[in-house]
Every structure is written in structure tokens, then in C-alpha cells.
N, C-alpha and C. Protein backbone atom coordinates (compact mmCIF):
# COMPACT_ATOMS: atom_id res chain seq x y z
N MET A 1 48.58 40.73 113.77
CA MET A 1 47.94 39.62 113.07
C MET A 1 47.31 38.67 114.07
N PHE A 2 46.07 38.21 113.78
CA PHE A 2 45.47 37.27 114.71
C PHE A 2 46.15 35.91 114.60
N ASN A 3 46.07 35.15 115.66
CA ASN A 3 46.64 33.81 115.68
C ASN A 3 45.93 32.93 114.66
N GLN A 4 46.68 32.03 114.05
CA GLN A 4 46.10 31.07 113.12
C GLN A 4 46.71 29.69 113.37
N PRO A 5 45.90 28.64 113.27
CA PRO A 5 46.44 27.29 113.46
C PRO A 5 47.34 26.90 112.31
N LEU A 6 48.33 26.08 112.59
CA LEU A 6 49.25 25.60 111.57
C LEU A 6 48.99 24.13 111.29
N GLY A 7 49.24 23.71 110.06
CA GLY A 7 49.18 22.30 109.72
C GLY A 7 47.80 21.71 109.56
N LEU A 8 46.79 22.55 109.31
CA LEU A 8 45.45 22.01 109.08
C LEU A 8 45.44 21.23 107.77
N PRO A 9 44.81 20.07 107.73
CA PRO A 9 44.77 19.29 106.50
C PRO A 9 43.88 19.97 105.46
N ALA A 10 44.24 19.87 104.19
CA ALA A 10 43.43 20.43 103.11
C ALA A 10 42.07 19.75 103.08
N ALA A 11 41.05 20.53 102.76
CA ALA A 11 39.70 19.98 102.67
C ALA A 11 39.62 18.93 101.57
N PRO A 12 38.77 17.93 101.72
CA PRO A 12 38.59 16.93 100.66
C PRO A 12 38.06 17.57 99.39
N ALA A 13 38.18 16.88 98.29
CA ALA A 13 37.66 17.37 97.01
C ALA A 13 36.15 17.58 97.11
N ALA A 14 35.62 18.45 96.24
CA ALA A 14 34.19 18.77 96.28
C ALA A 14 33.32 17.54 96.08
N ASP A 15 33.81 16.52 95.38
CA ASP A 15 33.00 15.32 95.14
C ASP A 15 33.32 14.20 96.12
N ALA A 16 34.03 14.51 97.21
CA ALA A 16 34.37 13.48 98.20
C ALA A 16 33.11 12.96 98.88
N ASP A 17 33.13 11.69 99.25
CA ASP A 17 31.96 11.12 99.93
C ASP A 17 32.01 11.47 101.41
N TRP A 18 30.90 11.18 102.10
CA TRP A 18 30.75 11.58 103.49
C TRP A 18 31.81 10.95 104.38
N SER A 19 32.23 9.72 104.10
CA SER A 19 33.23 9.08 104.95
C SER A 19 34.55 9.86 104.90
N GLN A 20 34.92 10.38 103.73
CA GLN A 20 36.14 11.17 103.60
C GLN A 20 36.00 12.51 104.31
N VAL A 21 34.85 13.15 104.13
CA VAL A 21 34.61 14.43 104.79
C VAL A 21 34.60 14.26 106.31
N ARG A 22 33.96 13.21 106.77
CA ARG A 22 33.88 12.97 108.22
C ARG A 22 35.25 12.75 108.82
N ALA A 23 36.12 11.98 108.13
CA ALA A 23 37.48 11.74 108.63
C ALA A 23 38.28 13.04 108.65
N TRP A 24 38.12 13.86 107.62
CA TRP A 24 38.83 15.15 107.58
C TRP A 24 38.33 16.06 108.70
N ARG A 25 37.04 16.09 108.92
CA ARG A 25 36.51 16.93 109.99
C ARG A 25 37.04 16.48 111.35
N ARG A 26 37.16 15.18 111.54
CA ARG A 26 37.66 14.68 112.82
C ARG A 26 39.08 15.17 113.06
N ARG A 27 39.94 15.08 112.05
CA ARG A 27 41.32 15.54 112.20
C ARG A 27 41.36 17.06 112.41
N THR A 28 40.54 17.78 111.66
CA THR A 28 40.53 19.24 111.75
C THR A 28 40.04 19.69 113.12
N ARG A 29 39.02 19.04 113.65
CA ARG A 29 38.52 19.38 114.99
C ARG A 29 39.63 19.24 116.03
N ALA A 30 40.35 18.13 115.97
CA ALA A 30 41.39 17.88 116.97
C ALA A 30 42.46 18.96 116.90
N LEU A 31 42.85 19.36 115.70
CA LEU A 31 43.87 20.40 115.55
C LEU A 31 43.36 21.75 116.02
N LEU A 32 42.11 22.08 115.68
CA LEU A 32 41.55 23.36 116.12
C LEU A 32 41.40 23.42 117.64
N GLN A 33 41.02 22.31 118.25
CA GLN A 33 40.90 22.30 119.70
C GLN A 33 42.26 22.49 120.36
N GLY A 34 43.29 21.82 119.81
CA GLY A 34 44.62 21.98 120.36
C GLY A 34 45.14 23.40 120.19
N TRP A 35 44.87 23.98 119.02
CA TRP A 35 45.28 25.37 118.76
C TRP A 35 44.59 26.32 119.72
N ARG A 36 43.30 26.14 119.91
CA ARG A 36 42.56 27.06 120.77
C ARG A 36 43.01 26.94 122.22
N ALA A 37 43.29 25.70 122.65
CA ALA A 37 43.74 25.50 124.03
C ALA A 37 45.08 26.15 124.29
N ALA A 38 45.88 26.34 123.25
CA ALA A 38 47.23 26.90 123.40
C ALA A 38 47.26 28.43 123.27
N LEU A 39 46.13 29.07 122.98
CA LEU A 39 46.12 30.52 122.84
C LEU A 39 46.51 31.19 124.16
N ALA A 40 47.28 32.24 124.05
CA ALA A 40 47.72 32.96 125.24
C ALA A 40 46.53 33.57 125.97
N ALA A 41 46.58 33.56 127.29
CA ALA A 41 45.45 34.02 128.10
C ALA A 41 45.13 35.48 127.84
N ASP A 42 46.16 36.33 127.62
CA ASP A 42 45.86 37.75 127.39
C ASP A 42 45.20 37.95 126.03
N TYR A 43 45.56 37.13 125.05
CA TYR A 43 44.92 37.21 123.74
C TYR A 43 43.45 36.78 123.84
N VAL A 44 43.20 35.71 124.55
CA VAL A 44 41.83 35.22 124.74
C VAL A 44 40.97 36.29 125.40
N GLU A 45 41.52 36.95 126.41
CA GLU A 45 40.76 38.00 127.11
C GLU A 45 40.51 39.19 126.20
N ARG A 46 41.51 39.59 125.42
CA ARG A 46 41.34 40.72 124.50
C ARG A 46 40.26 40.42 123.47
N VAL A 47 40.30 39.24 122.88
CA VAL A 47 39.30 38.87 121.87
C VAL A 47 37.92 38.82 122.51
N GLY A 48 37.83 38.22 123.68
CA GLY A 48 36.54 38.13 124.36
C GLY A 48 35.96 39.50 124.64
N ARG A 49 36.79 40.42 125.10
CA ARG A 49 36.32 41.78 125.41
C ARG A 49 35.83 42.48 124.14
N PHE A 50 36.56 42.29 123.05
CA PHE A 50 36.20 42.93 121.79
C PHE A 50 34.90 42.36 121.24
N VAL A 51 34.78 41.04 121.20
CA VAL A 51 33.57 40.40 120.67
C VAL A 51 32.36 40.76 121.52
N ARG A 52 32.53 40.80 122.83
CA ARG A 52 31.41 41.18 123.69
C ARG A 52 30.95 42.61 123.40
N ALA A 53 31.90 43.50 123.12
CA ALA A 53 31.53 44.89 122.81
C ALA A 53 30.73 44.95 121.51
N VAL A 54 31.10 44.14 120.52
CA VAL A 54 30.34 44.12 119.26
C VAL A 54 28.93 43.60 119.50
N VAL A 55 28.81 42.51 120.25
CA VAL A 55 27.48 41.97 120.56
C VAL A 55 26.64 43.03 121.26
N GLU A 56 27.23 43.71 122.22
CA GLU A 56 26.47 44.68 123.02
C GLU A 56 26.04 45.90 122.21
N HIS A 57 26.90 46.38 121.32
CA HIS A 57 26.65 47.67 120.70
C HIS A 57 26.20 47.59 119.24
N GLN A 58 26.41 46.47 118.57
CA GLN A 58 26.12 46.42 117.14
C GLN A 58 25.08 45.38 116.72
N LEU A 59 24.75 44.46 117.59
CA LEU A 59 23.74 43.45 117.23
C LEU A 59 22.37 43.92 117.67
N THR A 60 21.83 44.88 116.96
CA THR A 60 20.52 45.41 117.33
C THR A 60 19.41 44.39 117.10
N GLU A 61 19.70 43.35 116.31
CA GLU A 61 18.70 42.32 116.02
C GLU A 61 18.24 41.58 117.28
N ILE A 62 19.04 41.63 118.33
CA ILE A 62 18.69 40.85 119.52
C ILE A 62 17.77 41.60 120.48
N ASP A 63 17.54 42.88 120.25
CA ASP A 63 16.70 43.65 121.17
C ASP A 63 15.27 43.12 121.18
N GLY A 64 14.75 42.89 122.37
CA GLY A 64 13.37 42.43 122.52
C GLY A 64 13.14 40.99 122.17
N ALA A 65 14.21 40.23 121.92
CA ALA A 65 14.08 38.83 121.51
C ALA A 65 14.22 37.90 122.70
N CYS A 66 13.85 36.66 122.50
CA CYS A 66 14.21 35.59 123.44
C CYS A 66 15.58 35.10 123.00
N ILE A 67 16.60 35.35 123.81
CA ILE A 67 17.99 35.10 123.45
C ILE A 67 18.50 33.85 124.17
N ALA A 68 19.13 32.96 123.40
CA ALA A 68 19.79 31.80 123.99
C ALA A 68 21.30 32.02 123.97
N LEU A 69 21.87 32.16 125.15
CA LEU A 69 23.31 32.28 125.33
C LEU A 69 23.90 30.86 125.33
N TYR A 70 25.21 30.73 125.34
CA TYR A 70 25.85 29.43 125.57
C TYR A 70 26.81 29.56 126.73
N TRP A 71 27.04 28.47 127.43
CA TRP A 71 28.02 28.45 128.51
C TRP A 71 29.34 28.00 127.90
N PRO A 72 30.43 28.78 128.00
CA PRO A 72 31.65 28.46 127.27
C PRO A 72 32.25 27.11 127.68
N PHE A 73 32.79 26.41 126.70
CA PHE A 73 33.27 25.04 126.86
C PHE A 73 34.53 24.90 126.00
N ARG A 74 35.59 24.36 126.57
CA ARG A 74 36.81 24.08 125.83
C ARG A 74 37.37 25.30 125.09
N GLY A 75 37.41 26.42 125.76
CA GLY A 75 38.06 27.59 125.20
C GLY A 75 37.20 28.45 124.29
N GLU A 76 35.88 28.23 124.26
CA GLU A 76 35.01 29.08 123.45
C GLU A 76 35.01 30.51 123.99
N ILE A 77 34.75 31.47 123.11
CA ILE A 77 34.71 32.87 123.52
C ILE A 77 33.61 33.05 124.57
N ASP A 78 33.99 33.68 125.66
CA ASP A 78 33.11 33.77 126.83
C ASP A 78 32.22 35.01 126.75
N LEU A 79 30.92 34.79 126.61
CA LEU A 79 29.95 35.88 126.58
C LEU A 79 29.26 36.10 127.93
N ARG A 80 29.61 35.31 128.93
CA ARG A 80 28.90 35.41 130.21
C ARG A 80 28.95 36.80 130.84
N PRO A 81 30.05 37.56 130.70
CA PRO A 81 30.03 38.91 131.28
C PRO A 81 28.94 39.81 130.71
N LEU A 82 28.37 39.41 129.55
CA LEU A 82 27.28 40.17 128.94
C LEU A 82 25.91 39.75 129.45
N ALA A 83 25.85 38.71 130.25
CA ALA A 83 24.55 38.12 130.59
C ALA A 83 23.60 39.15 131.19
N GLY A 84 24.09 39.96 132.11
CA GLY A 84 23.21 40.95 132.73
C GLY A 84 22.70 41.98 131.74
N VAL A 85 23.58 42.45 130.86
CA VAL A 85 23.19 43.44 129.85
C VAL A 85 22.18 42.85 128.88
N LEU A 86 22.46 41.64 128.40
CA LEU A 86 21.56 41.01 127.43
C LEU A 86 20.21 40.71 128.08
N ALA A 87 20.23 40.29 129.33
CA ALA A 87 18.98 39.97 130.01
C ALA A 87 18.08 41.20 130.10
N GLU A 88 18.67 42.37 130.26
CA GLU A 88 17.86 43.60 130.32
C GLU A 88 17.25 43.94 128.96
N ARG A 89 17.94 43.55 127.88
CA ARG A 89 17.46 43.87 126.53
C ARG A 89 16.53 42.80 125.98
N ALA A 90 16.53 41.64 126.59
CA ALA A 90 15.80 40.50 126.04
C ALA A 90 14.36 40.44 126.54
N ARG A 91 13.50 39.87 125.71
CA ARG A 91 12.15 39.54 126.16
C ARG A 91 12.21 38.33 127.09
N ASP A 92 13.14 37.43 126.79
CA ASP A 92 13.37 36.24 127.60
C ASP A 92 14.81 35.82 127.37
N PHE A 93 15.31 34.91 128.21
CA PHE A 93 16.73 34.57 128.19
C PHE A 93 16.83 33.09 128.53
N ALA A 94 17.77 32.38 127.89
CA ALA A 94 17.83 30.93 128.10
C ALA A 94 19.23 30.40 127.89
N LEU A 95 19.45 29.17 128.36
CA LEU A 95 20.67 28.41 128.09
C LEU A 95 20.28 27.08 127.44
N PRO A 96 21.15 26.53 126.58
CA PRO A 96 20.85 25.25 125.93
C PRO A 96 21.07 24.07 126.87
N VAL A 97 20.27 23.04 126.65
CA VAL A 97 20.36 21.81 127.45
C VAL A 97 20.28 20.61 126.50
N VAL A 98 21.20 19.66 126.67
CA VAL A 98 21.08 18.38 125.95
C VAL A 98 20.13 17.52 126.77
N ALA A 99 18.86 17.53 126.38
CA ALA A 99 17.85 16.79 127.13
C ALA A 99 17.84 15.32 126.72
N ASN A 100 18.08 15.07 125.43
CA ASN A 100 18.09 13.70 124.91
C ASN A 100 19.19 13.59 123.87
N ARG A 101 20.01 12.56 123.99
CA ARG A 101 21.10 12.35 123.05
C ARG A 101 20.54 12.18 121.64
N GLY A 102 21.20 12.83 120.67
CA GLY A 102 20.80 12.69 119.28
C GLY A 102 19.55 13.45 118.90
N GLN A 103 19.09 14.37 119.78
CA GLN A 103 17.89 15.16 119.52
C GLN A 103 18.24 16.65 119.51
N PRO A 104 17.35 17.49 119.00
CA PRO A 104 17.62 18.94 119.08
C PRO A 104 17.80 19.39 120.53
N LEU A 105 18.47 20.51 120.68
CA LEU A 105 18.66 21.09 122.00
C LEU A 105 17.33 21.56 122.59
N GLU A 106 17.27 21.56 123.89
CA GLU A 106 16.17 22.18 124.62
C GLU A 106 16.72 23.47 125.23
N PHE A 107 15.88 24.46 125.37
CA PHE A 107 16.33 25.73 125.95
C PHE A 107 15.49 26.04 127.18
N ARG A 108 16.19 26.26 128.29
CA ARG A 108 15.51 26.54 129.55
C ARG A 108 15.77 27.98 129.98
N ARG A 109 14.69 28.60 130.45
CA ARG A 109 14.79 29.99 130.90
C ARG A 109 15.85 30.11 131.98
N TRP A 110 16.65 31.14 131.84
CA TRP A 110 17.71 31.39 132.82
C TRP A 110 18.00 32.88 132.87
N TRP A 111 18.16 33.39 134.06
CA TRP A 111 18.58 34.77 134.28
C TRP A 111 19.77 34.73 135.21
N PRO A 112 20.70 35.68 135.09
CA PRO A 112 21.86 35.70 135.99
C PRO A 112 21.43 35.61 137.45
N GLY A 113 22.07 34.69 138.16
CA GLY A 113 21.74 34.48 139.56
C GLY A 113 20.87 33.27 139.80
N MET A 114 20.21 32.74 138.76
CA MET A 114 19.39 31.54 138.92
C MET A 114 20.27 30.32 139.13
N ARG A 115 19.73 29.35 139.85
CA ARG A 115 20.49 28.15 140.21
C ARG A 115 20.82 27.32 138.98
N LEU A 116 22.04 26.78 138.95
CA LEU A 116 22.50 25.94 137.85
C LEU A 116 22.80 24.53 138.36
N ALA A 117 22.70 23.58 137.45
CA ALA A 117 23.07 22.19 137.74
C ALA A 117 24.07 21.73 136.68
N ARG A 118 24.70 20.59 136.90
CA ARG A 118 25.65 20.05 135.94
C ARG A 118 24.92 19.23 134.89
N GLY A 119 25.11 19.59 133.63
CA GLY A 119 24.49 18.85 132.54
C GLY A 119 25.48 17.93 131.85
N VAL A 120 25.19 17.55 130.62
CA VAL A 120 26.06 16.69 129.84
C VAL A 120 27.42 17.37 129.68
N TRP A 121 28.49 16.58 129.76
CA TRP A 121 29.88 17.08 129.72
C TRP A 121 30.17 18.08 130.84
N ASP A 122 29.36 18.03 131.90
CA ASP A 122 29.53 18.92 133.06
C ASP A 122 29.32 20.39 132.73
N ILE A 123 28.64 20.68 131.65
CA ILE A 123 28.32 22.06 131.31
C ILE A 123 27.15 22.51 132.18
N PRO A 124 27.25 23.66 132.86
CA PRO A 124 26.14 24.12 133.69
C PRO A 124 24.88 24.40 132.87
N VAL A 125 23.75 23.98 133.42
CA VAL A 125 22.44 24.20 132.79
C VAL A 125 21.47 24.69 133.87
N PRO A 126 20.41 25.39 133.47
CA PRO A 126 19.43 25.84 134.47
C PRO A 126 18.83 24.67 135.23
N ALA A 127 18.80 24.79 136.53
CA ALA A 127 18.27 23.69 137.34
C ALA A 127 16.75 23.65 137.34
N ASP A 128 16.11 24.80 137.22
CA ASP A 128 14.66 24.86 137.40
C ASP A 128 13.92 25.60 136.28
N GLY A 129 14.61 26.14 135.29
CA GLY A 129 13.98 27.00 134.31
C GLY A 129 12.97 26.29 133.43
N ALA A 130 11.91 27.01 133.07
CA ALA A 130 10.91 26.48 132.14
C ALA A 130 11.50 26.41 130.73
N VAL A 131 10.97 25.52 129.91
CA VAL A 131 11.41 25.40 128.52
C VAL A 131 10.83 26.55 127.71
N VAL A 132 11.69 27.22 126.91
CA VAL A 132 11.27 28.33 126.07
C VAL A 132 11.75 28.08 124.64
N VAL A 133 11.23 28.86 123.71
CA VAL A 133 11.64 28.77 122.30
C VAL A 133 12.35 30.07 121.95
N PRO A 134 13.67 30.04 121.78
CA PRO A 134 14.41 31.29 121.52
C PRO A 134 14.21 31.80 120.09
N ASP A 135 14.30 33.11 119.96
CA ASP A 135 14.30 33.75 118.64
C ASP A 135 15.72 33.85 118.10
N VAL A 136 16.69 34.01 119.01
CA VAL A 136 18.08 34.24 118.64
C VAL A 136 18.96 33.23 119.36
N LEU A 137 19.80 32.52 118.60
CA LEU A 137 20.79 31.64 119.19
C LEU A 137 22.17 32.26 119.02
N LEU A 138 22.91 32.38 120.10
CA LEU A 138 24.32 32.73 120.05
C LEU A 138 25.07 31.40 120.10
N VAL A 139 25.74 31.06 118.99
CA VAL A 139 26.25 29.70 118.78
C VAL A 139 27.77 29.71 118.75
N PRO A 140 28.44 28.91 119.58
CA PRO A 140 29.91 28.87 119.55
C PRO A 140 30.42 28.13 118.32
N LEU A 141 31.52 28.63 117.76
CA LEU A 141 32.14 28.01 116.59
C LEU A 141 33.50 27.42 116.99
N LEU A 142 33.75 26.19 116.55
CA LEU A 142 35.11 25.66 116.63
C LEU A 142 35.85 26.07 115.36
N GLY A 143 35.20 25.91 114.21
CA GLY A 143 35.70 26.38 112.93
C GLY A 143 34.52 26.86 112.11
N TYR A 144 34.80 27.51 110.98
CA TYR A 144 33.72 28.01 110.13
C TYR A 144 34.31 28.30 108.75
N ASP A 145 33.41 28.47 107.76
CA ASP A 145 33.90 28.81 106.43
C ASP A 145 33.22 30.08 105.92
N ALA A 146 33.61 30.50 104.72
CA ALA A 146 33.15 31.79 104.20
C ALA A 146 31.66 31.83 103.95
N ALA A 147 31.03 30.68 103.75
CA ALA A 147 29.59 30.63 103.53
C ALA A 147 28.80 30.61 104.82
N GLY A 148 29.49 30.66 105.96
CA GLY A 148 28.80 30.68 107.25
C GLY A 148 28.49 29.32 107.83
N TYR A 149 29.06 28.26 107.24
CA TYR A 149 28.85 26.92 107.80
C TYR A 149 29.79 26.72 108.98
N ARG A 150 29.28 26.06 109.99
CA ARG A 150 29.97 25.91 111.27
C ARG A 150 30.53 24.50 111.44
N LEU A 151 31.75 24.44 111.96
CA LEU A 151 32.32 23.17 112.40
C LEU A 151 32.25 23.15 113.92
N GLY A 152 31.46 22.23 114.46
CA GLY A 152 31.34 22.08 115.91
C GLY A 152 32.10 20.85 116.37
N TYR A 153 31.63 20.25 117.45
CA TYR A 153 32.33 19.10 118.02
C TYR A 153 31.88 17.77 117.42
N GLY A 154 30.90 17.82 116.53
CA GLY A 154 30.48 16.59 115.85
C GLY A 154 29.22 15.96 116.38
N GLY A 155 28.66 16.52 117.46
CA GLY A 155 27.44 15.94 118.01
C GLY A 155 26.19 16.26 117.21
N GLY A 156 26.22 17.35 116.45
CA GLY A 156 25.09 17.71 115.60
C GLY A 156 23.92 18.37 116.30
N TYR A 157 24.09 18.79 117.56
CA TYR A 157 22.94 19.31 118.32
C TYR A 157 22.43 20.63 117.77
N TYR A 158 23.34 21.54 117.46
CA TYR A 158 22.88 22.81 116.90
C TYR A 158 22.30 22.62 115.50
N ASP A 159 22.89 21.77 114.68
CA ASP A 159 22.34 21.52 113.35
C ASP A 159 20.92 20.97 113.44
N ARG A 160 20.68 20.03 114.32
CA ARG A 160 19.33 19.47 114.48
C ARG A 160 18.36 20.55 114.95
N THR A 161 18.83 21.39 115.85
CA THR A 161 17.98 22.47 116.36
C THR A 161 17.61 23.44 115.24
N LEU A 162 18.60 23.82 114.44
CA LEU A 162 18.38 24.81 113.39
C LEU A 162 17.61 24.23 112.21
N ALA A 163 17.64 22.92 112.04
CA ALA A 163 16.91 22.28 110.95
C ALA A 163 15.49 21.91 111.35
N GLY A 164 15.15 22.05 112.62
CA GLY A 164 13.86 21.62 113.12
C GLY A 164 12.75 22.61 112.84
N PRO A 165 11.51 22.22 113.15
CA PRO A 165 10.35 23.07 112.87
C PRO A 165 10.30 24.33 113.73
N ARG A 166 11.06 24.34 114.83
CA ARG A 166 11.06 25.52 115.72
C ARG A 166 12.36 26.30 115.58
N ARG A 167 12.88 26.33 114.35
CA ARG A 167 14.13 27.03 114.09
C ARG A 167 14.05 28.48 114.56
N PRO A 168 15.05 28.96 115.30
CA PRO A 168 15.08 30.37 115.68
C PRO A 168 15.20 31.27 114.45
N ALA A 169 14.77 32.49 114.60
CA ALA A 169 14.83 33.43 113.48
C ALA A 169 16.25 33.81 113.11
N LEU A 170 17.17 33.73 114.09
CA LEU A 170 18.52 34.22 113.86
C LEU A 170 19.52 33.34 114.61
N ALA A 171 20.52 32.83 113.87
CA ALA A 171 21.62 32.08 114.47
C ALA A 171 22.90 32.88 114.25
N VAL A 172 23.55 33.25 115.36
CA VAL A 172 24.75 34.08 115.31
C VAL A 172 25.94 33.23 115.74
N GLY A 173 26.83 32.92 114.81
CA GLY A 173 28.01 32.14 115.12
C GLY A 173 29.09 33.02 115.72
N ILE A 174 29.70 32.58 116.84
CA ILE A 174 30.71 33.34 117.56
C ILE A 174 32.00 32.52 117.61
N GLY A 175 33.09 33.07 117.07
CA GLY A 175 34.34 32.32 117.08
C GLY A 175 35.54 33.17 116.79
N TYR A 176 36.70 32.53 116.77
CA TYR A 176 37.96 33.21 116.50
C TYR A 176 38.19 33.34 115.00
N ALA A 177 38.69 34.51 114.57
CA ALA A 177 38.99 34.72 113.16
C ALA A 177 39.98 33.68 112.65
N GLY A 178 40.92 33.29 113.48
CA GLY A 178 41.94 32.33 113.07
C GLY A 178 41.41 30.95 112.77
N ALA A 179 40.18 30.65 113.16
CA ALA A 179 39.59 29.32 112.93
C ALA A 179 38.87 29.24 111.59
N ARG A 180 39.06 30.24 110.73
CA ARG A 180 38.41 30.24 109.42
C ARG A 180 39.01 29.15 108.54
N LEU A 181 38.13 28.37 107.90
CA LEU A 181 38.53 27.31 106.98
C LEU A 181 38.12 27.68 105.56
N GLU A 182 38.79 27.11 104.57
CA GLU A 182 38.40 27.35 103.19
C GLU A 182 36.96 26.89 102.97
N THR A 183 36.64 25.74 103.50
CA THR A 183 35.29 25.18 103.43
C THR A 183 35.19 24.08 104.46
N ILE A 184 33.98 23.78 104.91
CA ILE A 184 33.80 22.59 105.74
C ILE A 184 33.23 21.45 104.90
N ARG A 185 33.12 21.67 103.59
CA ARG A 185 32.45 20.73 102.69
C ARG A 185 31.06 20.40 103.24
N PRO A 186 30.16 21.42 103.25
CA PRO A 186 28.85 21.23 103.88
C PRO A 186 28.08 20.07 103.28
N GLN A 187 27.41 19.35 104.16
CA GLN A 187 26.57 18.20 103.80
C GLN A 187 25.10 18.58 103.98
N PRO A 188 24.18 17.75 103.50
CA PRO A 188 22.76 18.10 103.63
C PRO A 188 22.31 18.38 105.05
N HIS A 189 22.98 17.77 106.05
CA HIS A 189 22.56 17.99 107.43
C HIS A 189 23.16 19.25 108.05
N ASP A 190 24.09 19.91 107.38
CA ASP A 190 24.72 21.12 107.91
C ASP A 190 23.83 22.33 107.66
N VAL A 191 23.71 23.18 108.67
CA VAL A 191 22.87 24.38 108.57
C VAL A 191 23.76 25.60 108.82
N PRO A 192 23.79 26.57 107.90
CA PRO A 192 24.67 27.73 108.08
C PRO A 192 24.14 28.73 109.09
N MET A 193 25.03 29.56 109.57
CA MET A 193 24.68 30.66 110.44
C MET A 193 24.06 31.81 109.62
N ASP A 194 23.26 32.62 110.27
CA ASP A 194 22.72 33.83 109.63
C ASP A 194 23.69 34.99 109.76
N LEU A 195 24.42 35.03 110.86
CA LEU A 195 25.47 36.01 111.09
C LEU A 195 26.70 35.29 111.60
N LEU A 196 27.87 35.83 111.26
CA LEU A 196 29.13 35.36 111.84
C LEU A 196 29.81 36.53 112.52
N LEU A 197 30.28 36.32 113.74
CA LEU A 197 31.01 37.35 114.46
C LEU A 197 32.32 36.77 114.96
N THR A 198 33.44 37.36 114.49
CA THR A 198 34.76 36.99 114.96
C THR A 198 35.51 38.26 115.34
N ASP A 199 36.78 38.10 115.71
CA ASP A 199 37.57 39.27 116.07
C ASP A 199 38.09 40.02 114.86
N ASP A 200 37.67 39.68 113.64
CA ASP A 200 38.02 40.54 112.51
C ASP A 200 36.86 40.89 111.60
N ALA A 201 35.66 40.40 111.87
CA ALA A 201 34.53 40.75 110.99
C ALA A 201 33.19 40.39 111.62
N LEU A 202 32.18 41.12 111.17
CA LEU A 202 30.78 40.79 111.42
C LEU A 202 30.14 40.61 110.05
N VAL A 203 29.63 39.42 109.77
CA VAL A 203 29.10 39.11 108.45
C VAL A 203 27.63 38.76 108.57
N ARG A 204 26.80 39.45 107.81
CA ARG A 204 25.38 39.15 107.72
C ARG A 204 25.11 38.55 106.34
N TYR A 205 24.47 37.39 106.32
CA TYR A 205 24.25 36.68 105.07
C TYR A 205 22.85 36.92 104.51
N ALA A 206 22.73 36.73 103.21
CA ALA A 206 21.43 36.79 102.52
C ALA A 206 21.15 35.43 101.93
N GLY A 207 19.95 34.90 102.16
CA GLY A 207 19.58 33.62 101.59
C GLY A 207 20.17 32.45 102.34
N ARG A 208 19.95 31.25 101.81
CA ARG A 208 20.44 30.03 102.44
C ARG A 208 21.14 29.18 101.40
N GLY A 209 21.87 28.18 101.85
CA GLY A 209 22.55 27.29 100.92
C GLY A 209 24.00 27.69 100.69
N PRO A 210 24.81 26.78 100.16
CA PRO A 210 26.26 27.00 100.03
C PRO A 210 26.64 28.12 99.09
N LEU A 211 25.74 28.55 98.20
CA LEU A 211 26.07 29.60 97.24
C LEU A 211 25.53 30.96 97.67
N ARG A 212 24.98 31.05 98.86
CA ARG A 212 24.42 32.32 99.31
C ARG A 212 25.50 33.39 99.44
N ALA A 213 25.08 34.62 99.42
CA ALA A 213 26.03 35.73 99.45
C ALA A 213 26.13 36.32 100.84
N ALA A 214 27.30 36.88 101.12
CA ALA A 214 27.46 37.68 102.33
C ALA A 214 26.89 39.06 102.02
N ALA A 215 25.73 39.35 102.57
CA ALA A 215 25.03 40.59 102.23
C ALA A 215 25.74 41.82 102.77
N VAL A 216 26.20 41.74 104.00
CA VAL A 216 26.88 42.88 104.63
C VAL A 216 28.08 42.34 105.39
N VAL A 217 29.23 42.90 105.12
CA VAL A 217 30.44 42.51 105.84
C VAL A 217 31.04 43.76 106.47
N GLU A 218 31.15 43.77 107.78
CA GLU A 218 31.84 44.84 108.47
C GLU A 218 33.15 44.26 108.97
N ARG A 219 34.24 44.68 108.38
CA ARG A 219 35.53 44.09 108.70
C ARG A 219 36.41 45.12 109.42
N TRP A 220 37.19 44.61 110.39
CA TRP A 220 38.11 45.48 111.09
C TRP A 220 39.46 44.77 111.18
N SER A 221 40.50 45.54 111.35
CA SER A 221 41.84 44.99 111.47
C SER A 221 41.97 44.30 112.82
N PRO A 222 42.73 43.19 112.88
CA PRO A 222 43.00 42.60 114.19
C PRO A 222 43.65 43.58 115.15
N ALA A 223 44.30 44.61 114.60
CA ALA A 223 44.91 45.62 115.47
C ALA A 223 43.85 46.37 116.27
N ALA A 224 42.58 46.31 115.79
CA ALA A 224 41.50 46.99 116.50
C ALA A 224 41.12 46.28 117.80
N VAL A 225 41.52 45.01 117.93
CA VAL A 225 41.23 44.29 119.16
C VAL A 225 42.01 44.98 120.29
N PRO A 226 41.32 45.52 121.28
CA PRO A 226 42.01 46.34 122.29
C PRO A 226 43.01 45.55 123.10
N GLY A 227 44.07 46.18 123.48
CA GLY A 227 45.07 45.55 124.34
C GLY A 227 44.63 45.56 125.79
N PRO A 228 45.48 45.03 126.67
CA PRO A 228 45.14 44.99 128.10
C PRO A 228 44.87 46.38 128.67
């Protein structure tokens, strides 16, 4: 069985106002971050290896695209070992940059071996890369729900990016199966993922909005996550 956090607060009622939802999200974020930080190192490595294999062998949508990777932060699933493989399959490759607070993310061209600098929150960013517009975003999840809505750290950077006029064609949420929530009580500013990938399923969605359907679900047992 995959690890699951304990003691998560129940989601607010469907008619709750934004102040109630925001307070619940704040508490839920803190608990999910604590849970993720406490995951055993061998479990984290096993999940990372499994998820990377799915990205490499089953996400054919990324071939020939401009792909935006993320640099792992606070225990996010680490896709960096795939950077060389993805770079060979990509038309272009990039990392996200917080260029301006409260604005959509900027994406700078980056290939393995290129020089990095310290960005916001000390996350490495390309030091010299040109700005590009990605087709595919690989997006880290802190939590998520069945409709593909993502719970992040609360800054709203990915939501602004996905809601903007230069929205990528495909947003792939990457996270732990145990971080699944009943709902995040999506608000008008929340933007769902097009695909969700965890250590127990790959979900491709059809349509947009909270009532959209999961068009294709490929589910596997947590026992399928390879051991050391």
C-alpha cells in the first residue's frame, strides 16, 4: 500500500466561501508538506524511479515538443535523471523562472550541462537561456483531486501560466498517489491538469471544468512500484 497522510482536515462544504477554502488549503498544505518530508528515502527513490519510467516510455505526447521540466523543491518527485533522455526527444527544453512576483512563469531554454543560477527560493534556474514558450509543462503536485485540480504552495504561478494567452498544449501533473484529496474545492482561478501521473495511475482527461471526465485511466497496483 502506498503511504498516505493522516489527519487531513475534511474539505469545506461545496458552498463555502473563498476565505474558508483558503484557510482549509493552508492547513492541508502544511500537513501534506510534513507528510512528504517524512517519507522514507527508499520509498521516495522507488516512486521516483517508477514515475520516471512512465514518463520515458508512456508519455508519447511529449515527443518533438518544447518541454518544460521542473527543478524538485521540498520533496517533489525528481525528474532530473530524465533530463538527458527528454532533451534528446524534445524540440526544445526549458526550466521555469519566477521573473516577476504575482505574474505567470517565464521559461528559459536549458539543456543538461548549461550553467544555472539561484532563483527565487534558491531554486536553480538557467543563467543564460533564452525565453521560450513550452508546449508541455511537467508540473509538480503537492496535492490533487479526482478532477485533476492541483494543490500547490499557494503562489498561483502555474495557475496564472495555464490561464494565460500562451497556455501550453499539455499540462502533466506529477505527484504521489498518497496526496490524493477528495476535492480541492476548485475556484475560478484554479486550472486543472490535462494529465495526472502518480505512482498508482496515469489519467488523461477529456474537456475542461470541474465536471470533466477522466477519458483514459491506466491504473497499476502500488506493488508494481519496483523495489531497490
